[in-house]
Each structure stands twice: as structure tokens, then as C-alpha cells.
């Protein structure tokens, strides 16, 4: 069954929110292990940078896999 565009958007937004919260929580726990002390504002800003990188990575991987899927489909039907 194919996922609707609305549900794809809901999934993408949920993924970003969960990723952002996990990035912040991970930083708060891990940074002190390395002697890095930052405030909440810094954690939130760093988390946004991680979210941006994650979004770009996800987009590029989806496009790569879609290109591979199309190539595979074409090679089977030529």
C-alpha cells in the first residue's frame, strides 16, 4: 500500500522533532563526559545544526535510492 502525501509529511515532521529532541538529550548527557559545558541555548542551536545535516542527508539518500529504483525499473522494461 502506498503512503499518502499527508502521512509522508506527518512522518517527516515527526522524524525531525524526535531527532531534534534526541540530539539535545544526547548533547546534555555526552558533552560533560568530554569536559564541554554549554547552556541550554547552545544545546538548542547545536541541535538545529544537527537537524539541518540530518535533513540534507535524508533527502540526498532518498534521491539516491529513488534514482537507483528508476534505473532498475528501466533496465527491466527496456
Protein backbone atom coordinates (compact mmCIF):
# COMPACT_ATOMS: atom_id res chain seq x y z
CA UNK A 1 0.00 0.00 0.00
CA UNK A 2 1.26 3.47 -0.89
CA UNK A 3 1.62 6.14 1.80
CA UNK A 4 -0.40 9.33 1.27
CA UNK A 5 1.39 12.66 0.88
CA UNK A 6 -0.18 13.88 4.12
CA UNK A 7 1.10 10.88 6.05
CA UNK A 8 4.53 11.27 4.44
CA UNK A 9 4.61 14.84 5.74
CA UNK A 10 3.45 13.74 9.20
CA UNK A 11 6.19 11.10 9.25
CA UNK A 12 8.85 13.59 8.13
CA UNK A 13 7.83 16.16 10.75
CA UNK A 14 7.73 13.51 13.50
CA UNK A 15 11.17 12.29 12.43
CA UNK A 16 12.63 15.81 12.64
CA UNK A 17 11.06 16.52 16.04
CA UNK A 18 12.21 13.21 17.53
CA UNK A 19 15.69 13.69 16.04
CA UNK A 20 15.95 17.20 17.48
CA UNK A 21 14.88 16.10 20.97
CA UNK A 22 17.30 13.14 20.86
CA UNK A 23 20.15 15.39 19.70
CA UNK A 24 19.56 17.79 22.60
CA UNK A 25 19.26 14.99 25.16
CA UNK A 26 22.38 13.28 23.82
CA UNK A 27 24.39 16.52 23.96
CA UNK A 28 23.29 17.23 27.53
CA UNK A 29 24.47 13.76 28.59
CA UNK A 30 27.59 13.34 26.44
CA UNK A 31 29.15 16.82 26.37
CA UNK A 32 30.10 16.80 30.08
CA UNK A 33 31.92 13.49 29.59
CA UNK A 34 34.33 15.43 27.37
CA UNK A 35 34.54 18.49 29.59
CA UNK A 36 32.25 20.55 27.33
CA UNK A 37 29.96 22.78 29.37
CA UNK A 38 27.27 24.71 27.49
CA UNK A 39 23.97 26.30 28.31
CA UNK A 40 20.56 25.29 27.03
CA UNK A 41 20.60 27.95 24.29
CA UNK A 42 23.85 26.50 22.92
CA UNK A 43 22.41 22.98 23.04
CA UNK A 44 19.33 24.13 21.12
CA UNK A 45 21.45 25.87 18.47
CA UNK A 46 23.80 22.90 18.06
CA UNK A 47 20.74 20.64 17.84
CA UNK A 48 19.39 22.75 14.98
CA UNK A 49 22.67 22.30 13.11
CA UNK A 50 22.37 18.52 13.56
CA UNK A 51 18.77 18.64 12.33
CA UNK A 52 19.86 20.54 9.20
CA UNK A 53 22.56 18.00 8.43
CA UNK A 54 20.13 15.15 9.08
CA UNK A 55 17.50 16.64 6.76
CA UNK A 56 20.06 17.07 3.99
CA UNK A 57 21.37 13.53 4.49
CA UNK A 58 17.86 12.07 4.43
CA UNK A 59 16.91 13.99 1.31
CA UNK A 60 20.07 13.02 -0.58
CA UNK A 61 19.73 9.34 0.38
CA UNK A 62 16.08 9.28 -0.70
CA UNK A 63 17.00 10.82 -4.06
CA UNK A 64 19.88 8.34 -4.48
CA UNK A 65 17.64 5.36 -3.76
CA UNK A 66 14.89 6.73 -6.00
CA UNK A 67 17.39 7.14 -8.84
CA UNK A 68 18.55 3.56 -8.31
CA UNK A 69 14.93 2.34 -8.28
CA UNK A 70 14.15 4.15 -11.54
CA UNK A 71 17.33 2.81 -13.20
CA UNK A 72 16.45 -0.71 -12.07
CA UNK A 73 12.87 -0.35 -13.34
CA UNK A 74 14.04 0.97 -16.72
CA UNK A 75 16.63 -1.77 -17.17
CA UNK A 76 13.93 -4.41 -16.59
CA UNK A 77 11.50 -2.83 -19.05
CA UNK A 78 13.82 -1.95 -21.92
